[in-house]
Full PDB file with SEQRES, HELIX, SHEET, SSBOND, CRYST1, ORIGX, SCALE, CONECT and MASTER records, all heavy atoms in Angstrom:
SEQRES   1 A   32  SER TRP PHE PHE SER ARG PRO LEU PRO LEU PRO ARG ALA          
SEQRES   2 A   32  PRO TYR ASP PHE THR VAL SER GLY GLY SER THR LEU SER          
SEQRES   3 A   32  GLY VAL ALA ARG ARG LEU                                      
HELIX    1 AA1 TRP A    2  SER A    5  1                                   4    
HELIX    2 AA2 LEU A   25  ARG A   31  1                                   7    
CRYST1    1.000    1.000    1.000  90.00  90.00  90.00 P 1           1          
ORIGX1      1.000000  0.000000  0.000000        0.00000                         
ORIGX2      0.000000  1.000000  0.000000        0.00000                         
ORIGX3      0.000000  0.000000  1.000000        0.00000                         
SCALE1      1.000000  0.000000  0.000000        0.00000                         
SCALE2      0.000000  1.000000  0.000000        0.00000                         
SCALE3      0.000000  0.000000  1.000000        0.00000                         
ATOM      1  N   SER A   1    -165.956 122.429 184.611  1.00  0.00           N  
ATOM      2  CA  SER A   1    -164.796 123.153 185.130  1.00  0.00           C  
ATOM      3  C   SER A   1    -165.190 124.540 185.600  1.00  0.00           C  
ATOM      4  O   SER A   1    -164.759 125.005 186.659  1.00  0.00           O  
ATOM      5  CB  SER A   1    -163.731 123.244 184.039  1.00  0.00           C  
ATOM      6  OG  SER A   1    -162.633 124.003 184.484  1.00  0.00           O  
ATOM      7  N   TRP A   2    -166.050 125.205 184.836  1.00  0.00           N  
ATOM      8  CA  TRP A   2    -166.525 126.539 185.228  1.00  0.00           C  
ATOM      9  C   TRP A   2    -167.329 126.471 186.524  1.00  0.00           C  
ATOM     10  O   TRP A   2    -167.140 127.269 187.434  1.00  0.00           O  
ATOM     11  CB  TRP A   2    -167.380 127.129 184.114  1.00  0.00           C  
ATOM     12  CG  TRP A   2    -168.054 128.416 184.518  1.00  0.00           C  
ATOM     13  CD1 TRP A   2    -167.513 129.665 184.512  1.00  0.00           C  
ATOM     14  CD2 TRP A   2    -169.393 128.548 185.027  1.00  0.00           C  
ATOM     15  NE1 TRP A   2    -168.420 130.589 184.974  1.00  0.00           N  
ATOM     16  CE2 TRP A   2    -169.585 129.933 185.295  1.00  0.00           C  
ATOM     17  CE3 TRP A   2    -170.438 127.661 185.268  1.00  0.00           C  
ATOM     18  CZ2 TRP A   2    -170.780 130.415 185.807  1.00  0.00           C  
ATOM     19  CZ3 TRP A   2    -171.625 128.145 185.773  1.00  0.00           C  
ATOM     20  CH2 TRP A   2    -171.789 129.507 186.035  1.00  0.00           C  
ATOM     21  N   PHE A   3    -168.219 125.486 186.610  1.00  0.00           N  
ATOM     22  CA  PHE A   3    -169.073 125.363 187.778  1.00  0.00           C  
ATOM     23  C   PHE A   3    -168.254 125.070 189.026  1.00  0.00           C  
ATOM     24  O   PHE A   3    -168.454 125.671 190.084  1.00  0.00           O  
ATOM     25  CB  PHE A   3    -170.112 124.257 187.565  1.00  0.00           C  
ATOM     26  CG  PHE A   3    -171.041 124.083 188.739  1.00  0.00           C  
ATOM     27  CD1 PHE A   3    -172.163 124.885 188.893  1.00  0.00           C  
ATOM     28  CD2 PHE A   3    -170.783 123.116 189.703  1.00  0.00           C  
ATOM     29  CE1 PHE A   3    -173.012 124.734 189.969  1.00  0.00           C  
ATOM     30  CE2 PHE A   3    -171.623 122.966 190.784  1.00  0.00           C  
ATOM     31  CZ  PHE A   3    -172.736 123.770 190.917  1.00  0.00           C  
ATOM     32  N   PHE A   4    -167.301 124.129 188.908  1.00  0.00           N  
ATOM     33  CA  PHE A   4    -166.532 123.721 190.072  1.00  0.00           C  
ATOM     34  C   PHE A   4    -165.535 124.789 190.517  1.00  0.00           C  
ATOM     35  O   PHE A   4    -165.054 124.752 191.644  1.00  0.00           O  
ATOM     36  CB  PHE A   4    -165.780 122.419 189.779  1.00  0.00           C  
ATOM     37  CG  PHE A   4    -166.678 121.223 189.621  1.00  0.00           C  
ATOM     38  CD1 PHE A   4    -166.321 120.173 188.803  1.00  0.00           C  
ATOM     39  CD2 PHE A   4    -167.884 121.151 190.300  1.00  0.00           C  
ATOM     40  CE1 PHE A   4    -167.157 119.062 188.653  1.00  0.00           C  
ATOM     41  CE2 PHE A   4    -168.730 120.057 190.161  1.00  0.00           C  
ATOM     42  CZ  PHE A   4    -168.368 119.008 189.319  1.00  0.00           C  
ATOM     43  N   SER A   5    -165.210 125.730 189.646  1.00  0.00           N  
ATOM     44  CA  SER A   5    -164.215 126.740 189.991  1.00  0.00           C  
ATOM     45  C   SER A   5    -164.817 128.099 190.339  1.00  0.00           C  
ATOM     46  O   SER A   5    -164.081 129.005 190.736  1.00  0.00           O  
ATOM     47  CB  SER A   5    -163.218 126.911 188.840  1.00  0.00           C  
ATOM     48  OG  SER A   5    -163.893 127.375 187.670  1.00  0.00           O  
ATOM     49  N   ARG A   6    -166.126 128.257 190.211  1.00  0.00           N  
ATOM     50  CA  ARG A   6    -166.721 129.560 190.528  1.00  0.00           C  
ATOM     51  C   ARG A   6    -167.017 129.642 192.028  1.00  0.00           C  
ATOM     52  O   ARG A   6    -167.307 128.625 192.681  1.00  0.00           O  
ATOM     53  CB  ARG A   6    -168.006 129.791 189.723  1.00  0.00           C  
ATOM     54  CG  ARG A   6    -169.193 128.966 190.147  1.00  0.00           C  
ATOM     55  CD  ARG A   6    -170.355 129.125 189.186  1.00  0.00           C  
ATOM     56  NE  ARG A   6    -171.530 128.380 189.600  1.00  0.00           N  
ATOM     57  CZ  ARG A   6    -172.557 128.911 190.256  1.00  0.00           C  
ATOM     58  NH1 ARG A   6    -172.546 130.184 190.554  1.00  0.00           N  
ATOM     59  NH2 ARG A   6    -173.587 128.162 190.605  1.00  0.00           N  
ATOM     60  N   PRO A   7    -166.958 130.837 192.624  1.00  0.00           N  
ATOM     61  CA  PRO A   7    -167.207 130.987 194.059  1.00  0.00           C  
ATOM     62  C   PRO A   7    -168.634 130.567 194.428  1.00  0.00           C  
ATOM     63  O   PRO A   7    -169.583 130.815 193.681  1.00  0.00           O  
ATOM     64  CB  PRO A   7    -166.998 132.489 194.298  1.00  0.00           C  
ATOM     65  CG  PRO A   7    -166.129 132.924 193.170  1.00  0.00           C  
ATOM     66  CD  PRO A   7    -166.539 132.094 191.993  1.00  0.00           C  
ATOM     67  N   LEU A   8    -168.747 129.939 195.579  1.00  0.00           N  
ATOM     68  CA  LEU A   8    -170.060 129.510 196.059  1.00  0.00           C  
ATOM     69  C   LEU A   8    -170.848 130.711 196.587  1.00  0.00           C  
ATOM     70  O   LEU A   8    -170.265 131.626 197.183  1.00  0.00           O  
ATOM     71  CB  LEU A   8    -169.899 128.470 197.177  1.00  0.00           C  
ATOM     72  CG  LEU A   8    -169.254 127.149 196.770  1.00  0.00           C  
ATOM     73  CD1 LEU A   8    -168.904 126.328 198.010  1.00  0.00           C  
ATOM     74  CD2 LEU A   8    -170.192 126.353 195.865  1.00  0.00           C  
ATOM     75  N   PRO A   9    -172.170 130.720 196.412  1.00  0.00           N  
ATOM     76  CA  PRO A   9    -173.000 131.829 196.923  1.00  0.00           C  
ATOM     77  C   PRO A   9    -173.312 131.642 198.405  1.00  0.00           C  
ATOM     78  O   PRO A   9    -174.337 131.078 198.786  1.00  0.00           O  
ATOM     79  CB  PRO A   9    -174.269 131.719 196.062  1.00  0.00           C  
ATOM     80  CG  PRO A   9    -174.368 130.248 195.756  1.00  0.00           C  
ATOM     81  CD  PRO A   9    -172.951 129.732 195.647  1.00  0.00           C  
ATOM     82  N   LEU A  10    -172.427 132.105 199.273  1.00  0.00           N  
ATOM     83  CA  LEU A  10    -172.597 131.910 200.707  1.00  0.00           C  
ATOM     84  C   LEU A  10    -173.737 132.784 201.250  1.00  0.00           C  
ATOM     85  O   LEU A  10    -173.859 133.958 200.863  1.00  0.00           O  
ATOM     86  CB  LEU A  10    -171.306 132.253 201.445  1.00  0.00           C  
ATOM     87  CG  LEU A  10    -170.042 131.488 201.004  1.00  0.00           C  
ATOM     88  CD1 LEU A  10    -168.862 131.925 201.861  1.00  0.00           C  
ATOM     89  CD2 LEU A  10    -170.263 129.988 201.097  1.00  0.00           C  
ATOM     90  N   PRO A  11    -174.554 132.255 202.164  1.00  0.00           N  
ATOM     91  CA  PRO A  11    -175.623 133.073 202.765  1.00  0.00           C  
ATOM     92  C   PRO A  11    -175.080 134.148 203.697  1.00  0.00           C  
ATOM     93  O   PRO A  11    -175.754 135.119 204.004  1.00  0.00           O  
ATOM     94  CB  PRO A  11    -176.461 132.041 203.528  1.00  0.00           C  
ATOM     95  CG  PRO A  11    -175.524 130.907 203.795  1.00  0.00           C  
ATOM     96  CD  PRO A  11    -174.590 130.864 202.624  1.00  0.00           C  
ATOM     97  N   ARG A  12    -173.854 133.937 204.189  1.00  0.00           N  
ATOM     98  CA  ARG A  12    -173.176 134.916 205.037  1.00  0.00           C  
ATOM     99  C   ARG A  12    -171.681 134.597 204.967  1.00  0.00           C  
ATOM    100  O   ARG A  12    -171.289 133.504 204.581  1.00  0.00           O  
ATOM    101  CB  ARG A  12    -173.663 134.845 206.489  1.00  0.00           C  
ATOM    102  CG  ARG A  12    -173.492 133.464 207.122  1.00  0.00           C  
ATOM    103  CD  ARG A  12    -174.027 133.409 208.530  1.00  0.00           C  
ATOM    104  NE  ARG A  12    -173.874 132.058 209.081  1.00  0.00           N  
ATOM    105  CZ  ARG A  12    -174.757 131.089 208.944  1.00  0.00           C  
ATOM    106  NH1 ARG A  12    -175.881 131.324 208.283  1.00  0.00           N  
ATOM    107  NH2 ARG A  12    -174.545 129.894 209.465  1.00  0.00           N  
ATOM    108  N   ALA A  13    -170.855 135.553 205.342  1.00  0.00           N  
ATOM    109  CA  ALA A  13    -169.411 135.328 205.338  1.00  0.00           C  
ATOM    110  C   ALA A  13    -168.840 135.778 206.684  1.00  0.00           C  
ATOM    111  O   ALA A  13    -169.062 136.916 207.103  1.00  0.00           O  
ATOM    112  CB  ALA A  13    -168.770 136.090 204.195  1.00  0.00           C  
ATOM    113  N   PRO A  14    -168.093 134.919 207.392  1.00  0.00           N  
ATOM    114  CA  PRO A  14    -167.872 133.531 206.985  1.00  0.00           C  
ATOM    115  C   PRO A  14    -169.114 132.679 207.225  1.00  0.00           C  
ATOM    116  O   PRO A  14    -169.893 132.957 208.131  1.00  0.00           O  
ATOM    117  CB  PRO A  14    -166.731 133.086 207.895  1.00  0.00           C  
ATOM    118  CG  PRO A  14    -166.913 133.920 209.123  1.00  0.00           C  
ATOM    119  CD  PRO A  14    -167.389 135.261 208.647  1.00  0.00           C  
ATOM    120  N   TYR A  15    -169.286 131.662 206.388  1.00  0.00           N  
ATOM    121  CA  TYR A  15    -170.373 130.696 206.574  1.00  0.00           C  
ATOM    122  C   TYR A  15    -169.833 129.553 207.434  1.00  0.00           C  
ATOM    123  O   TYR A  15    -168.793 128.977 207.133  1.00  0.00           O  
ATOM    124  CB  TYR A  15    -170.843 130.161 205.228  1.00  0.00           C  
ATOM    125  CG  TYR A  15    -171.772 128.980 205.328  1.00  0.00           C  
ATOM    126  CD1 TYR A  15    -173.091 129.135 205.727  1.00  0.00           C  
ATOM    127  CD2 TYR A  15    -171.315 127.689 205.040  1.00  0.00           C  
ATOM    128  CE1 TYR A  15    -173.934 128.050 205.826  1.00  0.00           C  
ATOM    129  CE2 TYR A  15    -172.158 126.595 205.138  1.00  0.00           C  
ATOM    130  CZ  TYR A  15    -173.472 126.782 205.540  1.00  0.00           C  
ATOM    131  OH  TYR A  15    -174.302 125.702 205.651  1.00  0.00           O  
ATOM    132  N   ASP A  16    -170.508 129.281 208.553  1.00  0.00           N  
ATOM    133  CA  ASP A  16    -170.033 128.259 209.472  1.00  0.00           C  
ATOM    134  C   ASP A  16    -171.044 127.127 209.590  1.00  0.00           C  
ATOM    135  O   ASP A  16    -172.257 127.356 209.558  1.00  0.00           O  
ATOM    136  CB  ASP A  16    -169.769 128.857 210.855  1.00  0.00           C  
ATOM    137  CG  ASP A  16    -170.965 129.628 211.396  1.00  0.00           C  
ATOM    138  OD1 ASP A  16    -171.880 129.013 211.955  1.00  0.00           O  
ATOM    139  OD2 ASP A  16    -170.984 130.864 211.240  1.00  0.00           O  
ATOM    140  N   PHE A  17    -170.542 125.930 209.698  1.00  0.00           N  
ATOM    141  CA  PHE A  17    -171.401 124.775 209.891  1.00  0.00           C  
ATOM    142  C   PHE A  17    -170.580 123.663 210.526  1.00  0.00           C  
ATOM    143  O   PHE A  17    -169.349 123.687 210.505  1.00  0.00           O  
ATOM    144  CB  PHE A  17    -172.023 124.300 208.572  1.00  0.00           C  
ATOM    145  CG  PHE A  17    -171.025 123.759 207.571  1.00  0.00           C  
ATOM    146  CD1 PHE A  17    -170.872 122.404 207.377  1.00  0.00           C  
ATOM    147  CD2 PHE A  17    -170.245 124.614 206.815  1.00  0.00           C  
ATOM    148  CE1 PHE A  17    -169.960 121.909 206.459  1.00  0.00           C  
ATOM    149  CE2 PHE A  17    -169.319 124.135 205.901  1.00  0.00           C  
ATOM    150  CZ  PHE A  17    -169.172 122.776 205.719  1.00  0.00           C  
ATOM    151  N   THR A  18    -171.281 122.714 211.134  1.00  0.00           N  
ATOM    152  CA  THR A  18    -170.630 121.616 211.836  1.00  0.00           C  
ATOM    153  C   THR A  18    -171.028 120.297 211.218  1.00  0.00           C  
ATOM    154  O   THR A  18    -172.210 120.060 210.934  1.00  0.00           O  
ATOM    155  CB  THR A  18    -171.001 121.620 213.336  1.00  0.00           C  
ATOM    156  OG1 THR A  18    -170.567 122.852 213.922  1.00  0.00           O  
ATOM    157  CG2 THR A  18    -170.337 120.467 214.073  1.00  0.00           C  
ATOM    158  N   VAL A  19    -170.058 119.437 211.004  1.00  0.00           N  
ATOM    159  CA  VAL A  19    -170.293 118.072 210.528  1.00  0.00           C  
ATOM    160  C   VAL A  19    -170.107 117.141 211.717  1.00  0.00           C  
ATOM    161  O   VAL A  19    -169.002 117.033 212.262  1.00  0.00           O  
ATOM    162  CB  VAL A  19    -169.310 117.695 209.397  1.00  0.00           C  
ATOM    163  CG1 VAL A  19    -169.524 116.242 208.976  1.00  0.00           C  
ATOM    164  CG2 VAL A  19    -169.479 118.635 208.215  1.00  0.00           C  
ATOM    165  N   SER A  20    -171.168 116.532 212.168  1.00  0.00           N  
ATOM    166  CA  SER A  20    -171.091 115.645 213.327  1.00  0.00           C  
ATOM    167  C   SER A  20    -170.547 114.280 212.923  1.00  0.00           C  
ATOM    168  O   SER A  20    -170.572 113.905 211.742  1.00  0.00           O  
ATOM    169  CB  SER A  20    -172.469 115.489 213.977  1.00  0.00           C  
ATOM    170  OG  SER A  20    -173.410 115.012 213.041  1.00  0.00           O  
ATOM    171  N   GLY A  21    -170.051 113.541 213.908  1.00  0.00           N  
ATOM    172  CA  GLY A  21    -169.515 112.222 213.649  1.00  0.00           C  
ATOM    173  C   GLY A  21    -170.564 111.308 213.034  1.00  0.00           C  
ATOM    174  O   GLY A  21    -171.718 111.306 213.460  1.00  0.00           O  
ATOM    175  N   GLY A  22    -170.176 110.540 212.028  1.00  0.00           N  
ATOM    176  CA  GLY A  22    -171.113 109.635 211.373  1.00  0.00           C  
ATOM    177  C   GLY A  22    -171.888 110.252 210.233  1.00  0.00           C  
ATOM    178  O   GLY A  22    -172.672 109.569 209.574  1.00  0.00           O  
ATOM    179  N   SER A  23    -171.693 111.544 209.981  1.00  0.00           N  
ATOM    180  CA  SER A  23    -172.415 112.196 208.877  1.00  0.00           C  
ATOM    181  C   SER A  23    -171.916 111.666 207.535  1.00  0.00           C  
ATOM    182  O   SER A  23    -170.743 111.336 207.376  1.00  0.00           O  
ATOM    183  CB  SER A  23    -172.211 113.712 208.927  1.00  0.00           C  
ATOM    184  OG  SER A  23    -172.763 114.272 210.084  1.00  0.00           O  
ATOM    185  N   THR A  24    -172.823 111.607 206.567  1.00  0.00           N  
ATOM    186  CA  THR A  24    -172.459 111.202 205.212  1.00  0.00           C  
ATOM    187  C   THR A  24    -172.291 112.438 204.343  1.00  0.00           C  
ATOM    188  O   THR A  24    -172.839 113.511 204.639  1.00  0.00           O  
ATOM    189  CB  THR A  24    -173.532 110.300 204.597  1.00  0.00           C  
ATOM    190  OG1 THR A  24    -174.759 111.055 204.484  1.00  0.00           O  
ATOM    191  CG2 THR A  24    -173.769 109.066 205.464  1.00  0.00           C  
ATOM    192  N   LEU A  25    -171.560 112.278 203.265  1.00  0.00           N  
ATOM    193  CA  LEU A  25    -171.357 113.400 202.343  1.00  0.00           C  
ATOM    194  C   LEU A  25    -172.684 113.851 201.746  1.00  0.00           C  
ATOM    195  O   LEU A  25    -172.936 115.045 201.599  1.00  0.00           O  
ATOM    196  CB  LEU A  25    -170.384 113.008 201.235  1.00  0.00           C  
ATOM    197  CG  LEU A  25    -170.079 114.119 200.221  1.00  0.00           C  
ATOM    198  CD1 LEU A  25    -169.380 115.282 200.897  1.00  0.00           C  
ATOM    199  CD2 LEU A  25    -169.232 113.590 199.079  1.00  0.00           C  
ATOM    200  N   SER A  26    -173.544 112.906 201.413  1.00  0.00           N  
ATOM    201  CA  SER A  26    -174.838 113.274 200.833  1.00  0.00           C  
ATOM    202  C   SER A  26    -175.677 114.062 201.836  1.00  0.00           C  
ATOM    203  O   SER A  26    -176.391 115.001 201.467  1.00  0.00           O  
ATOM    204  CB  SER A  26    -175.590 112.027 200.372  1.00  0.00           C  
ATOM    205  OG  SER A  26    -175.796 111.136 201.448  1.00  0.00           O  
ATOM    206  N   GLY A  27    -175.588 113.682 203.117  1.00  0.00           N  
ATOM    207  CA  GLY A  27    -176.321 114.426 204.140  1.00  0.00           C  
ATOM    208  C   GLY A  27    -175.806 115.844 204.282  1.00  0.00           C  
ATOM    209  O   GLY A  27    -176.585 116.798 204.416  1.00  0.00           O  
ATOM    210  N   VAL A  28    -174.490 116.002 204.252  1.00  0.00           N  
ATOM    211  CA  VAL A  28    -173.905 117.342 204.324  1.00  0.00           C  
ATOM    212  C   VAL A  28    -174.289 118.150 203.084  1.00  0.00           C  
ATOM    213  O   VAL A  28    -174.618 119.329 203.180  1.00  0.00           O  
ATOM    214  CB  VAL A  28    -172.375 117.247 204.444  1.00  0.00           C  
ATOM    215  CG1 VAL A  28    -171.733 118.629 204.354  1.00  0.00           C  
ATOM    216  CG2 VAL A  28    -171.992 116.580 205.764  1.00  0.00           C  
ATOM    217  N   ALA A  29    -174.276 117.508 201.919  1.00  0.00           N  
ATOM    218  CA  ALA A  29    -174.644 118.201 200.682  1.00  0.00           C  
ATOM    219  C   ALA A  29    -176.086 118.686 200.729  1.00  0.00           C  
ATOM    220  O   ALA A  29    -176.398 119.786 200.269  1.00  0.00           O  
ATOM    221  CB  ALA A  29    -174.433 117.271 199.492  1.00  0.00           C  
ATOM    222  N   ARG A  30    -176.971 117.872 201.295  1.00  0.00           N  
ATOM    223  CA  ARG A  30    -178.379 118.295 201.413  1.00  0.00           C  
ATOM    224  C   ARG A  30    -178.512 119.502 202.331  1.00  0.00           C  
ATOM    225  O   ARG A  30    -179.285 120.427 202.059  1.00  0.00           O  
ATOM    226  CB  ARG A  30    -179.231 117.127 201.924  1.00  0.00           C  
ATOM    227  CG  ARG A  30    -179.482 116.038 200.881  1.00  0.00           C  
ATOM    228  CD  ARG A  30    -180.585 115.102 201.322  1.00  0.00           C  
ATOM    229  NE  ARG A  30    -180.218 114.372 202.533  1.00  0.00           N  
ATOM    230  CZ  ARG A  30    -179.578 113.204 202.544  1.00  0.00           C  
ATOM    231  NH1 ARG A  30    -179.207 112.648 201.409  1.00  0.00           N  
ATOM    232  NH2 ARG A  30    -179.300 112.590 203.692  1.00  0.00           N  
ATOM    233  N   ARG A  31    -177.754 119.498 203.423  1.00  0.00           N  
ATOM    234  CA  ARG A  31    -177.819 120.633 204.338  1.00  0.00           C  
ATOM    235  C   ARG A  31    -177.302 121.899 203.669  1.00  0.00           C  
ATOM    236  O   ARG A  31    -177.878 122.985 203.813  1.00  0.00           O  
ATOM    237  CB  ARG A  31    -176.998 120.341 205.590  1.00  0.00           C  
ATOM    238  CG  ARG A  31    -176.945 121.521 206.550  1.00  0.00           C  
ATOM    239  CD  ARG A  31    -176.101 121.243 207.752  1.00  0.00           C  
ATOM    240  NE  ARG A  31    -175.936 122.451 208.539  1.00  0.00           N  
ATOM    241  CZ  ARG A  31    -175.163 122.560 209.605  1.00  0.00           C  
ATOM    242  NH1 ARG A  31    -174.503 121.497 210.028  1.00  0.00           N  
ATOM    243  NH2 ARG A  31    -175.042 123.692 210.265  1.00  0.00           N  
ATOM    244  N   LEU A  32    -176.197 121.782 202.934  1.00  0.00           N  
ATOM    245  CA  LEU A  32    -175.643 122.947 202.241  1.00  0.00           C  
ATOM    246  C   LEU A  32    -176.603 123.460 201.177  1.00  0.00           C  
ATOM    247  O   LEU A  32    -176.672 124.667 200.915  1.00  0.00           O  
ATOM    248  CB  LEU A  32    -174.302 122.581 201.607  1.00  0.00           C  
ATOM    249  CG  LEU A  32    -173.166 122.239 202.587  1.00  0.00           C  
ATOM    250  CD1 LEU A  32    -171.931 121.770 201.831  1.00  0.00           C  
ATOM    251  CD2 LEU A  32    -172.837 123.433 203.467  1.00  0.00           C  
TER     252      LEU A  32                                                      
MASTER        0    0    0    2    0    0    0    6  251    1    0    3          
END                                                                             
């Protein structure tokens, strides 16, 4: 609960990224 509710350490704010069509959640997680 603590981990899921704490703010993420963004490399910049706002942090922007694009999820292309057909991407999987695991692939996005690896990129993040």
